[in-house]
Every structure is written in C-alpha cells, then in structure tokens.
C-alpha cells in the first residue's frame, strides 16, 4: 500500500509492507530513466560575453526545461530514427544585446510549453553593448546518459517501519508524473524479464 503526501517543495510516497529494495528500484528509475527535456545542442551565432562558448553551453544544459511527455519522444524511439524532428526536439533561441546579466528568461522556444522552469537563472553577463546570440535545441533524454536530464532529487528514509520515497522535483515534471512514469517503466522491465524466462 502507498500513501501520498505533497507540499510545495517535495512529495512523499509512504510504502507500507513493501521491501526497501523495491522502493529503491523506483528511486533509481526516477534518477536514470524518467525522461525530461534539456538543451543539448548550442550553435553560437555571436558570443561577445566574457565566458567561453563551451562554458555557456554547459550552463544552458543545466537549465531545467518544462517537459511534455505526451507530445514528444526520445530520439532513440522516434520515427525519424534519431535524426531530429518536431516530435523529438524543440528549437530555441537566445539573443541579448543589452548590458547586464543574461538570464534563462531570455530563451525563447518554438513550443510555448517547452520553456525554462525558472526565468532567473544567470547564464552570463554582457558589457559595453556586446551581444550574445545562440540557436539551441532541447531534446528528451535520461539521467543515465547525463545528470542534466534527471527530473528530481530523490531519496529513501525509514519512518516507523515504513519506507518513504521523497521526490524533490526540479520543475520539469510534476512529482506525480515522475512517480507514475517510474512505475510504468518498472512494470515494463518486469514484463520484459518475465518474457525472457
């Protein structure tokens, strides 16, 4: 049996009469296999900021992006064969030519649902009328490929003979969506294992 408690910062799933190894499997799937969007490709049109292109690309990759799992596919499962299409990637753009900090809120997206979770994540700073212009691609990925695709921080704790799974989302997905996606993945893995036997 599973009880659910939720607040603004995290969700707690309380497992009664369930071995902690099963709950830990769900935790591992959340970290490694629940897909989210992250910026993967960065084309630098103009970078007159103090940071190297590679540093800006890394910072952009770590910006959490809101994710819609019902409308997009992983590239490995897409009909395009991983080439890249409107079903597995989203084009984004960033352009700023005003002095001051460049924030994640400056990123515009072809899909208004696939945008940065937080608009105030600093990317770099511009001085003396310099310009930063980038073309970006956000793609679905899994945390087992890179941590930037992990949807949440999650951990277990034992309370009064129960096991609690705590999920602290980064904002790409709701905690219930993260949990349900992990459960679906676990069931699929168990079914595939049964079929092999």
N, C-alpha and C. Protein backbone atom coordinates (compact mmCIF):
# COMPACT_ATOMS: atom_id res chain seq x y z
N UNK A 1 0.84 -1.19 0.00
CA UNK A 1 0.00 0.00 0.00
C UNK A 1 0.89 1.25 0.00
N UNK A 2 0.43 2.28 -0.74
CA UNK A 2 1.21 3.51 -0.86
C UNK A 2 0.33 4.71 -0.49
N UNK A 3 0.81 5.53 0.44
CA UNK A 3 0.15 6.79 0.78
C UNK A 3 0.96 7.92 0.16
N UNK A 4 0.30 9.05 -0.12
CA UNK A 4 0.94 10.17 -0.79
C UNK A 4 0.75 11.44 0.03
N UNK A 5 1.87 12.16 0.26
CA UNK A 5 1.83 13.46 0.92
C UNK A 5 2.58 14.44 0.03
N UNK A 6 2.03 15.63 -0.11
CA UNK A 6 2.63 16.59 -1.04
C UNK A 6 2.67 17.98 -0.40
N UNK A 7 3.75 18.72 -0.69
CA UNK A 7 3.78 20.15 -0.34
C UNK A 7 4.47 20.89 -1.48
N UNK A 8 4.74 22.15 -1.31
CA UNK A 8 5.27 22.95 -2.42
C UNK A 8 6.67 22.55 -2.85
N UNK A 9 7.45 21.94 -1.95
CA UNK A 9 8.84 21.62 -2.26
C UNK A 9 9.07 20.17 -2.65
N UNK A 10 8.27 19.24 -2.10
CA UNK A 10 8.52 17.84 -2.39
C UNK A 10 7.25 17.01 -2.25
N UNK A 11 7.37 15.76 -2.66
CA UNK A 11 6.29 14.79 -2.49
C UNK A 11 6.86 13.59 -1.76
N UNK A 12 6.06 13.01 -0.87
CA UNK A 12 6.50 11.85 -0.10
C UNK A 12 5.52 10.71 -0.36
N UNK A 13 6.05 9.59 -0.85
CA UNK A 13 5.26 8.39 -1.07
C UNK A 13 5.62 7.41 0.05
N UNK A 14 4.64 7.04 0.85
CA UNK A 14 4.85 6.17 2.01
C UNK A 14 4.44 4.75 1.65
N UNK A 15 5.41 3.83 1.68
CA UNK A 15 5.16 2.43 1.33
C UNK A 15 5.02 1.61 2.61
N UNK A 16 3.89 0.93 2.73
CA UNK A 16 3.64 0.07 3.89
C UNK A 16 3.74 -1.39 3.45
N UNK A 17 4.47 -2.18 4.23
CA UNK A 17 4.65 -3.61 3.93
C UNK A 17 5.29 -3.83 2.56
N UNK A 18 6.21 -2.95 2.18
CA UNK A 18 6.96 -3.09 0.92
C UNK A 18 8.44 -3.06 1.26
N UNK A 19 9.19 -4.02 0.70
CA UNK A 19 10.62 -4.08 1.00
C UNK A 19 11.34 -2.88 0.39
N UNK A 20 12.34 -2.37 1.11
CA UNK A 20 13.01 -1.15 0.65
C UNK A 20 13.77 -1.34 -0.67
N UNK A 21 14.10 -2.58 -1.05
CA UNK A 21 14.79 -2.79 -2.33
C UNK A 21 13.87 -2.45 -3.51
N UNK A 22 12.57 -2.71 -3.34
CA UNK A 22 11.61 -2.36 -4.40
C UNK A 22 11.48 -0.84 -4.50
N UNK A 23 11.38 -0.19 -3.36
CA UNK A 23 11.28 1.28 -3.36
C UNK A 23 12.56 1.90 -3.92
N UNK A 24 13.69 1.31 -3.61
CA UNK A 24 14.96 1.82 -4.15
C UNK A 24 15.02 1.64 -5.66
N UNK A 25 14.40 0.59 -6.19
CA UNK A 25 14.34 0.41 -7.65
C UNK A 25 13.59 1.56 -8.30
N UNK A 26 12.49 1.98 -7.66
CA UNK A 26 11.72 3.12 -8.17
C UNK A 26 12.58 4.39 -8.12
N UNK A 27 13.30 4.57 -7.03
CA UNK A 27 14.18 5.75 -6.89
C UNK A 27 15.23 5.78 -8.01
N UNK A 28 15.84 4.62 -8.28
CA UNK A 28 16.87 4.55 -9.33
C UNK A 28 16.28 4.85 -10.71
N UNK A 29 15.08 4.36 -10.96
CA UNK A 29 14.43 4.62 -12.25
C UNK A 29 14.12 6.11 -12.40
N UNK A 30 13.69 6.74 -11.31
CA UNK A 30 13.42 8.19 -11.36
C UNK A 30 14.69 8.94 -11.78
N UNK A 31 15.80 8.63 -11.16
CA UNK A 31 17.05 9.33 -11.45
C UNK A 31 17.59 9.04 -12.84
N UNK A 32 17.40 7.81 -13.31
CA UNK A 32 18.10 7.38 -14.52
C UNK A 32 17.23 7.22 -15.76
N UNK A 33 15.91 7.05 -15.60
CA UNK A 33 15.13 6.66 -16.77
C UNK A 33 13.85 7.44 -17.00
N UNK A 34 13.48 8.36 -16.13
CA UNK A 34 12.32 9.22 -16.40
C UNK A 34 12.81 10.36 -17.28
N UNK A 35 12.33 10.46 -18.54
CA UNK A 35 12.88 11.44 -19.47
C UNK A 35 12.41 12.87 -19.19
N UNK A 36 13.28 13.81 -19.47
CA UNK A 36 12.96 15.23 -19.41
C UNK A 36 13.66 15.93 -20.57
N UNK A 37 13.26 17.17 -20.82
CA UNK A 37 13.95 17.99 -21.81
C UNK A 37 15.16 18.66 -21.19
N UNK A 38 16.22 18.79 -21.99
CA UNK A 38 17.38 19.60 -21.63
C UNK A 38 17.99 20.12 -22.92
N UNK A 39 18.67 21.25 -22.83
CA UNK A 39 19.35 21.81 -24.01
C UNK A 39 20.57 20.96 -24.30
N UNK A 40 20.62 20.43 -25.52
CA UNK A 40 21.70 19.52 -25.91
C UNK A 40 22.63 20.14 -26.95
N UNK A 41 22.07 20.88 -27.92
CA UNK A 41 22.88 21.47 -28.99
C UNK A 41 22.85 22.99 -28.89
N UNK A 42 24.02 23.59 -28.97
CA UNK A 42 24.14 25.05 -28.91
C UNK A 42 24.95 25.51 -30.11
N UNK A 43 24.31 26.30 -30.98
CA UNK A 43 25.00 26.92 -32.11
C UNK A 43 25.27 28.37 -31.75
N UNK A 44 26.53 28.73 -31.69
CA UNK A 44 26.91 30.09 -31.30
C UNK A 44 26.93 30.97 -32.55
N UNK A 45 26.02 31.93 -32.61
CA UNK A 45 25.99 32.91 -33.70
C UNK A 45 26.92 34.06 -33.37
N UNK A 46 26.83 34.53 -32.11
CA UNK A 46 27.69 35.63 -31.67
C UNK A 46 27.84 35.54 -30.15
N UNK A 47 29.07 35.41 -29.68
CA UNK A 47 29.33 35.38 -28.24
C UNK A 47 30.40 36.40 -27.90
N UNK A 48 29.96 37.58 -27.48
CA UNK A 48 30.90 38.62 -27.07
C UNK A 48 30.90 38.76 -25.55
N UNK A 49 30.42 37.72 -24.85
CA UNK A 49 30.42 37.73 -23.38
C UNK A 49 31.80 37.31 -22.87
N UNK A 50 32.06 37.46 -21.58
CA UNK A 50 33.37 37.07 -21.03
C UNK A 50 33.57 35.55 -20.96
N UNK A 51 32.51 34.76 -21.13
CA UNK A 51 32.62 33.30 -20.98
C UNK A 51 32.88 32.62 -22.31
N UNK A 52 33.64 31.53 -22.27
CA UNK A 52 33.88 30.72 -23.46
C UNK A 52 32.57 30.08 -23.93
N UNK A 53 32.52 29.76 -25.22
CA UNK A 53 31.34 29.11 -25.80
C UNK A 53 30.98 27.84 -25.02
N UNK A 54 32.01 27.03 -24.68
CA UNK A 54 31.77 25.75 -24.00
C UNK A 54 31.16 25.95 -22.62
N UNK A 55 31.58 27.02 -21.92
CA UNK A 55 31.06 27.29 -20.58
C UNK A 55 29.59 27.69 -20.66
N UNK A 56 29.25 28.51 -21.64
CA UNK A 56 27.86 28.92 -21.81
C UNK A 56 27.00 27.71 -22.17
N UNK A 57 27.51 26.85 -23.06
CA UNK A 57 26.76 25.66 -23.45
C UNK A 57 26.50 24.74 -22.24
N UNK A 58 27.51 24.60 -21.39
CA UNK A 58 27.34 23.77 -20.20
C UNK A 58 26.29 24.36 -19.27
N UNK A 59 26.34 25.66 -19.07
CA UNK A 59 25.37 26.31 -18.18
C UNK A 59 23.95 26.18 -18.73
N UNK A 60 23.80 26.32 -20.04
CA UNK A 60 22.48 26.19 -20.66
C UNK A 60 21.95 24.76 -20.51
N UNK A 61 22.84 23.78 -20.62
CA UNK A 61 22.43 22.38 -20.48
C UNK A 61 21.86 22.07 -19.12
N UNK A 62 22.26 22.82 -18.11
CA UNK A 62 21.80 22.57 -16.75
C UNK A 62 20.56 23.38 -16.36
N UNK A 63 20.03 24.16 -17.30
CA UNK A 63 18.78 24.90 -17.04
C UNK A 63 17.61 23.93 -17.16
N UNK A 64 16.83 23.72 -16.09
CA UNK A 64 15.68 22.80 -16.19
C UNK A 64 14.64 23.33 -17.17
N UNK A 65 14.16 22.43 -18.05
CA UNK A 65 13.19 22.79 -19.08
C UNK A 65 11.88 22.06 -18.82
N UNK A 66 10.76 22.80 -18.83
CA UNK A 66 9.45 22.15 -18.66
C UNK A 66 9.27 21.09 -19.73
N UNK A 67 8.66 19.96 -19.34
CA UNK A 67 8.61 18.80 -20.21
C UNK A 67 7.18 18.31 -20.40
N UNK A 68 6.86 17.97 -21.65
CA UNK A 68 5.57 17.38 -22.00
C UNK A 68 5.83 15.99 -22.58
N UNK A 69 5.65 14.96 -21.75
CA UNK A 69 5.95 13.59 -22.19
C UNK A 69 4.92 13.04 -23.16
N UNK A 70 3.73 13.64 -23.21
CA UNK A 70 2.68 13.11 -24.08
C UNK A 70 2.86 13.55 -25.54
N UNK A 71 3.63 14.60 -25.79
CA UNK A 71 3.75 15.14 -27.15
C UNK A 71 5.08 14.84 -27.83
N UNK A 72 6.07 14.35 -27.07
CA UNK A 72 7.41 14.16 -27.62
C UNK A 72 7.94 12.77 -27.32
N UNK A 73 8.91 12.34 -28.14
CA UNK A 73 9.54 11.03 -28.00
C UNK A 73 11.02 11.20 -27.70
N UNK A 74 11.60 10.16 -27.09
CA UNK A 74 13.06 10.08 -27.05
C UNK A 74 13.57 9.91 -28.48
N UNK A 75 14.72 10.47 -28.80
CA UNK A 75 15.25 10.34 -30.15
C UNK A 75 15.43 8.88 -30.55
N UNK A 76 15.82 8.05 -29.58
CA UNK A 76 16.05 6.63 -29.86
C UNK A 76 14.76 5.89 -30.20
N UNK A 77 13.60 6.46 -29.84
CA UNK A 77 12.31 5.82 -30.09
C UNK A 77 11.47 6.57 -31.12
N UNK A 78 12.05 7.60 -31.73
CA UNK A 78 11.29 8.45 -32.65
C UNK A 78 11.25 7.86 -34.05
N UNK A 79 10.18 8.19 -34.78
CA UNK A 79 10.02 7.70 -36.15
C UNK A 79 11.10 8.22 -37.08
N UNK A 80 11.74 9.34 -36.71
CA UNK A 80 12.78 9.91 -37.57
C UNK A 80 14.09 9.13 -37.50
N UNK A 81 14.15 8.15 -36.59
CA UNK A 81 15.37 7.35 -36.45
C UNK A 81 16.49 8.07 -35.73
N UNK A 82 16.15 9.13 -34.98
CA UNK A 82 17.17 9.84 -34.21
C UNK A 82 17.82 11.00 -34.95
N UNK A 83 17.36 11.27 -36.18
CA UNK A 83 17.92 12.38 -36.96
C UNK A 83 17.56 13.72 -36.32
N UNK A 84 16.35 13.77 -35.77
CA UNK A 84 15.85 15.01 -35.16
C UNK A 84 14.69 15.56 -35.95
N UNK A 85 13.54 15.70 -35.28
CA UNK A 85 12.34 16.22 -35.93
C UNK A 85 11.48 16.92 -34.88
N UNK A 86 10.31 17.38 -35.29
CA UNK A 86 9.42 18.12 -34.39
C UNK A 86 8.81 17.24 -33.32
N UNK A 87 8.99 15.92 -33.42
CA UNK A 87 8.46 15.01 -32.41
C UNK A 87 9.48 14.64 -31.33
N UNK A 88 10.74 15.01 -31.52
CA UNK A 88 11.75 14.62 -30.54
C UNK A 88 12.68 15.76 -30.12
N UNK A 89 12.53 16.94 -30.71
CA UNK A 89 13.36 18.06 -30.30
C UNK A 89 12.61 19.38 -30.48
N UNK A 90 13.05 20.38 -29.74
CA UNK A 90 12.42 21.70 -29.80
C UNK A 90 13.51 22.74 -30.05
N UNK A 91 13.28 23.60 -31.04
CA UNK A 91 14.22 24.68 -31.34
C UNK A 91 13.99 25.85 -30.39
N UNK A 92 15.09 26.42 -29.93
CA UNK A 92 15.05 27.58 -29.04
C UNK A 92 16.05 28.62 -29.53
N UNK A 93 15.92 29.82 -28.99
CA UNK A 93 16.79 30.91 -29.43
C UNK A 93 17.05 31.82 -28.24
N UNK A 94 18.25 32.37 -28.20
CA UNK A 94 18.59 33.35 -27.17
C UNK A 94 19.35 34.48 -27.84
N UNK A 95 18.85 35.70 -27.67
CA UNK A 95 19.56 36.87 -28.19
C UNK A 95 19.40 38.01 -27.20
N UNK A 96 20.54 38.60 -26.82
CA UNK A 96 20.52 39.79 -25.96
C UNK A 96 21.68 40.69 -26.35
N UNK A 97 21.38 41.98 -26.48
CA UNK A 97 22.43 42.95 -26.80
C UNK A 97 22.42 44.12 -25.83
N UNK A 98 21.80 43.92 -24.66
CA UNK A 98 21.80 44.95 -23.63
C UNK A 98 22.80 44.59 -22.55
N UNK A 99 23.44 45.59 -21.96
CA UNK A 99 24.37 45.35 -20.86
C UNK A 99 23.64 44.73 -19.67
N UNK A 100 24.36 43.89 -18.95
CA UNK A 100 23.80 43.28 -17.75
C UNK A 100 23.75 41.77 -17.87
N UNK A 101 23.14 41.16 -16.87
CA UNK A 101 23.07 39.71 -16.84
C UNK A 101 22.15 39.16 -17.93
N UNK A 102 22.55 38.02 -18.47
CA UNK A 102 21.70 37.26 -19.39
C UNK A 102 21.09 36.14 -18.58
N UNK A 103 19.76 36.12 -18.49
CA UNK A 103 19.06 35.12 -17.70
C UNK A 103 18.38 34.10 -18.60
N UNK A 104 18.01 32.98 -17.98
CA UNK A 104 17.31 31.92 -18.72
C UNK A 104 15.98 32.41 -19.29
N UNK A 105 15.41 33.47 -18.71
CA UNK A 105 14.17 34.03 -19.23
C UNK A 105 14.33 34.64 -20.62
N UNK A 106 15.57 34.86 -21.06
CA UNK A 106 15.81 35.39 -22.42
C UNK A 106 15.68 34.31 -23.49
N UNK A 107 15.55 33.05 -23.07
CA UNK A 107 15.42 31.95 -24.03
C UNK A 107 13.98 31.92 -24.55
N UNK A 108 13.83 31.95 -25.88
CA UNK A 108 12.51 31.79 -26.49
C UNK A 108 12.45 30.40 -27.13
N UNK A 109 11.22 29.86 -27.22
CA UNK A 109 11.05 28.49 -27.68
C UNK A 109 9.99 28.43 -28.77
N UNK A 110 10.18 27.50 -29.72
CA UNK A 110 9.17 27.27 -30.76
C UNK A 110 7.89 26.67 -30.17
N UNK A 111 8.01 26.01 -29.01
CA UNK A 111 6.85 25.45 -28.33
C UNK A 111 6.69 26.18 -27.00
N UNK A 112 5.60 26.95 -26.84
CA UNK A 112 5.44 27.73 -25.60
C UNK A 112 5.29 26.88 -24.34
N UNK A 113 5.09 25.57 -24.49
CA UNK A 113 5.01 24.68 -23.33
C UNK A 113 6.41 24.19 -22.90
N UNK A 114 7.38 24.26 -23.80
CA UNK A 114 8.74 23.77 -23.52
C UNK A 114 9.64 24.99 -23.33
N UNK A 115 9.70 25.44 -22.08
CA UNK A 115 10.44 26.67 -21.74
C UNK A 115 11.21 26.43 -20.43
N UNK A 116 12.17 27.30 -20.10
CA UNK A 116 12.86 27.15 -18.82
C UNK A 116 11.89 27.20 -17.64
N UNK A 117 12.16 26.36 -16.65
CA UNK A 117 11.33 26.30 -15.44
C UNK A 117 11.43 27.62 -14.68
N UNK A 118 12.64 28.15 -14.60
CA UNK A 118 12.90 29.38 -13.85
C UNK A 118 13.49 30.41 -14.81
N UNK A 119 12.94 31.61 -14.82
CA UNK A 119 13.40 32.65 -15.75
C UNK A 119 14.58 33.45 -15.22
N UNK A 120 15.03 33.16 -13.99
CA UNK A 120 16.07 34.00 -13.38
C UNK A 120 17.36 33.24 -13.11
N UNK A 121 17.65 32.22 -13.92
CA UNK A 121 18.93 31.52 -13.79
C UNK A 121 19.96 32.29 -14.62
N UNK A 122 21.02 32.80 -13.99
CA UNK A 122 22.02 33.58 -14.74
C UNK A 122 22.86 32.69 -15.67
N UNK A 123 23.05 33.16 -16.89
CA UNK A 123 23.85 32.44 -17.89
C UNK A 123 25.23 33.10 -18.02
N UNK A 124 25.25 34.40 -18.22
CA UNK A 124 26.50 35.16 -18.33
C UNK A 124 26.16 36.64 -18.13
N UNK A 125 27.12 37.51 -18.42
CA UNK A 125 26.91 38.95 -18.28
C UNK A 125 27.51 39.65 -19.50
N UNK A 126 26.85 40.69 -19.96
CA UNK A 126 27.32 41.46 -21.12
C UNK A 126 27.72 42.87 -20.69
N UNK A 127 28.78 43.39 -21.35
CA UNK A 127 29.30 44.73 -21.05
C UNK A 127 29.46 45.51 -22.35
N UNK A 128 29.34 46.83 -22.25
CA UNK A 128 29.69 47.75 -23.34
C UNK A 128 29.01 47.43 -24.66
N UNK A 129 27.71 47.15 -24.62
CA UNK A 129 26.95 46.94 -25.85
C UNK A 129 27.25 45.64 -26.57
N UNK A 130 27.87 44.69 -25.90
CA UNK A 130 28.19 43.41 -26.54
C UNK A 130 26.92 42.59 -26.74
N UNK A 131 27.01 41.56 -27.58
CA UNK A 131 25.85 40.75 -27.96
C UNK A 131 26.10 39.28 -27.69
N UNK A 132 25.05 38.59 -27.29
CA UNK A 132 25.06 37.13 -27.21
C UNK A 132 23.88 36.63 -28.03
N UNK A 133 24.16 35.79 -29.02
CA UNK A 133 23.09 35.20 -29.84
C UNK A 133 23.38 33.73 -30.06
N UNK A 134 22.39 32.90 -29.71
CA UNK A 134 22.57 31.44 -29.78
C UNK A 134 21.32 30.79 -30.36
N UNK A 135 21.54 29.74 -31.14
CA UNK A 135 20.45 28.86 -31.57
C UNK A 135 20.59 27.57 -30.77
N UNK A 136 19.49 27.12 -30.18
CA UNK A 136 19.53 25.99 -29.25
C UNK A 136 18.57 24.89 -29.68
N UNK A 137 18.89 23.66 -29.29
CA UNK A 137 17.97 22.54 -29.47
C UNK A 137 17.83 21.83 -28.13
N UNK A 138 16.57 21.67 -27.69
CA UNK A 138 16.28 20.90 -26.48
C UNK A 138 15.76 19.53 -26.92
N UNK A 139 16.26 18.48 -26.29
CA UNK A 139 15.84 17.13 -26.63
C UNK A 139 15.50 16.37 -25.35
N UNK A 140 14.67 15.34 -25.50
CA UNK A 140 14.37 14.45 -24.38
C UNK A 140 15.55 13.52 -24.15
N UNK A 141 15.86 13.30 -22.90
CA UNK A 141 16.94 12.37 -22.55
C UNK A 141 16.72 11.79 -21.18
N UNK A 142 17.59 10.87 -20.78
CA UNK A 142 17.51 10.20 -19.49
C UNK A 142 18.72 10.52 -18.64
N UNK A 143 18.53 10.46 -17.32
CA UNK A 143 19.61 10.73 -16.39
C UNK A 143 20.76 9.75 -16.47
N UNK A 144 20.53 8.54 -17.03
CA UNK A 144 21.64 7.59 -17.15
C UNK A 144 22.61 8.01 -18.26
N UNK A 145 22.17 8.95 -19.12
CA UNK A 145 23.06 9.49 -20.14
C UNK A 145 23.82 10.71 -19.62
N UNK A 146 23.10 11.58 -18.90
CA UNK A 146 23.71 12.77 -18.29
C UNK A 146 22.78 13.26 -17.20
N UNK A 147 23.34 13.75 -16.10
CA UNK A 147 22.54 14.18 -14.95
C UNK A 147 21.62 15.36 -15.29
N UNK A 148 21.92 16.09 -16.36
CA UNK A 148 21.06 17.24 -16.71
C UNK A 148 19.65 16.81 -17.07
N UNK A 149 19.46 15.52 -17.39
CA UNK A 149 18.13 15.01 -17.72
C UNK A 149 17.41 14.42 -16.51
N UNK A 150 18.03 14.41 -15.34
CA UNK A 150 17.35 13.89 -14.15
C UNK A 150 16.21 14.82 -13.76
N UNK A 151 15.01 14.28 -13.44
CA UNK A 151 13.86 15.14 -13.16
C UNK A 151 13.75 15.62 -11.72
N UNK A 152 14.55 15.01 -10.81
CA UNK A 152 14.35 15.32 -9.39
C UNK A 152 15.54 14.83 -8.57
N UNK A 153 15.60 15.37 -7.36
CA UNK A 153 16.44 14.78 -6.32
C UNK A 153 15.53 13.84 -5.55
N UNK A 154 15.96 12.63 -5.29
CA UNK A 154 15.09 11.67 -4.61
C UNK A 154 15.90 10.79 -3.67
N UNK A 155 15.29 10.43 -2.55
CA UNK A 155 15.97 9.59 -1.56
C UNK A 155 14.95 8.81 -0.75
N UNK A 156 15.44 7.80 -0.03
CA UNK A 156 14.59 6.97 0.83
C UNK A 156 14.87 7.29 2.29
N UNK A 157 13.86 7.05 3.12
CA UNK A 157 14.06 7.10 4.56
C UNK A 157 13.05 6.14 5.21
N UNK A 158 13.46 5.56 6.31
CA UNK A 158 12.58 4.64 7.04
C UNK A 158 11.97 5.37 8.22
N UNK A 159 10.64 5.34 8.30
CA UNK A 159 9.90 6.01 9.37
C UNK A 159 8.84 5.04 9.90
N UNK A 160 8.99 4.66 11.18
CA UNK A 160 8.00 3.80 11.85
C UNK A 160 7.69 2.54 11.03
N UNK A 161 8.73 1.83 10.64
CA UNK A 161 8.62 0.58 9.89
C UNK A 161 8.04 0.74 8.48
N UNK A 162 7.91 1.95 8.04
CA UNK A 162 7.51 2.22 6.66
C UNK A 162 8.70 2.78 5.89
N UNK A 163 8.66 2.63 4.58
CA UNK A 163 9.70 3.22 3.73
C UNK A 163 9.09 4.41 3.00
N UNK A 164 9.74 5.57 3.12
CA UNK A 164 9.26 6.77 2.44
C UNK A 164 10.19 7.10 1.27
N UNK A 165 9.57 7.33 0.12
CA UNK A 165 10.29 7.79 -1.06
C UNK A 165 10.01 9.28 -1.20
N UNK A 166 11.06 10.08 -1.03
CA UNK A 166 10.92 11.54 -1.12
C UNK A 166 11.37 11.99 -2.50
N UNK A 167 10.51 12.73 -3.19
CA UNK A 167 10.83 13.25 -4.52
C UNK A 167 10.81 14.77 -4.47
N UNK A 168 11.94 15.38 -4.81
CA UNK A 168 12.05 16.85 -4.86
C UNK A 168 12.28 17.25 -6.32
N UNK A 169 11.19 17.55 -7.05
CA UNK A 169 11.32 17.83 -8.49
C UNK A 169 12.10 19.11 -8.76
N UNK A 170 12.79 19.12 -9.91
CA UNK A 170 13.48 20.33 -10.37
C UNK A 170 12.55 21.24 -11.17
N UNK A 171 11.32 20.79 -11.43
CA UNK A 171 10.33 21.63 -12.10
C UNK A 171 9.95 21.20 -13.50
N UNK A 172 10.72 20.28 -14.10
CA UNK A 172 10.39 19.85 -15.46
C UNK A 172 9.06 19.10 -15.49
N UNK A 173 8.83 18.27 -14.46
CA UNK A 173 7.63 17.45 -14.36
C UNK A 173 7.07 17.52 -12.95
N UNK A 174 5.77 17.31 -12.83
CA UNK A 174 5.11 17.21 -11.53
C UNK A 174 5.56 15.92 -10.84
N UNK A 175 5.60 15.93 -9.51
CA UNK A 175 6.08 14.76 -8.77
C UNK A 175 5.24 13.51 -9.04
N UNK A 176 3.93 13.68 -9.21
CA UNK A 176 3.08 12.51 -9.52
C UNK A 176 3.39 11.95 -10.90
N UNK A 177 3.66 12.82 -11.86
CA UNK A 177 4.02 12.36 -13.21
C UNK A 177 5.35 11.61 -13.15
N UNK A 178 6.30 12.14 -12.39
CA UNK A 178 7.60 11.46 -12.23
C UNK A 178 7.39 10.07 -11.64
N UNK A 179 6.61 9.99 -10.57
CA UNK A 179 6.36 8.71 -9.89
C UNK A 179 5.65 7.73 -10.83
N UNK A 180 4.57 8.18 -11.48
CA UNK A 180 3.81 7.29 -12.36
C UNK A 180 4.63 6.81 -13.55
N UNK A 181 5.47 7.68 -14.10
CA UNK A 181 6.34 7.28 -15.21
C UNK A 181 7.35 6.24 -14.75
N UNK A 182 7.89 6.42 -13.54
CA UNK A 182 8.83 5.43 -12.99
C UNK A 182 8.15 4.08 -12.77
N UNK A 183 6.92 4.09 -12.25
CA UNK A 183 6.19 2.84 -12.02
C UNK A 183 5.92 2.14 -13.35
N UNK A 184 5.49 2.90 -14.37
CA UNK A 184 5.25 2.31 -15.70
C UNK A 184 6.52 1.68 -16.25
N UNK A 185 7.65 2.35 -16.07
CA UNK A 185 8.94 1.82 -16.53
C UNK A 185 9.30 0.54 -15.80
N UNK A 186 9.08 0.51 -14.48
CA UNK A 186 9.39 -0.68 -13.69
C UNK A 186 8.53 -1.86 -14.12
N UNK A 187 7.24 -1.62 -14.34
CA UNK A 187 6.34 -2.69 -14.80
C UNK A 187 6.78 -3.23 -16.16
N UNK A 188 7.18 -2.33 -17.05
CA UNK A 188 7.66 -2.73 -18.38
C UNK A 188 8.91 -3.60 -18.26
N UNK A 189 9.82 -3.23 -17.37
CA UNK A 189 11.04 -4.01 -17.18
C UNK A 189 10.73 -5.40 -16.62
N UNK A 190 9.81 -5.46 -15.67
CA UNK A 190 9.44 -6.75 -15.08
C UNK A 190 8.78 -7.64 -16.14
N UNK A 191 7.91 -7.05 -16.96
CA UNK A 191 7.24 -7.81 -18.02
C UNK A 191 8.26 -8.35 -19.03
N UNK A 192 9.23 -7.53 -19.42
CA UNK A 192 10.27 -7.98 -20.35
C UNK A 192 11.10 -9.10 -19.75
N UNK A 193 11.37 -9.00 -18.44
CA UNK A 193 12.14 -10.06 -17.76
C UNK A 193 11.35 -11.37 -17.71
N UNK A 194 10.05 -11.27 -17.45
CA UNK A 194 9.21 -12.47 -17.42
C UNK A 194 9.15 -13.13 -18.80
N UNK A 195 9.09 -12.33 -19.85
CA UNK A 195 9.04 -12.86 -21.20
C UNK A 195 10.33 -13.59 -21.57
N UNK A 196 11.46 -13.13 -21.06
CA UNK A 196 12.73 -13.80 -21.32
C UNK A 196 12.80 -15.18 -20.69
N UNK A 197 12.05 -15.37 -19.56
CA UNK A 197 12.04 -16.67 -18.89
C UNK A 197 10.96 -17.55 -19.49
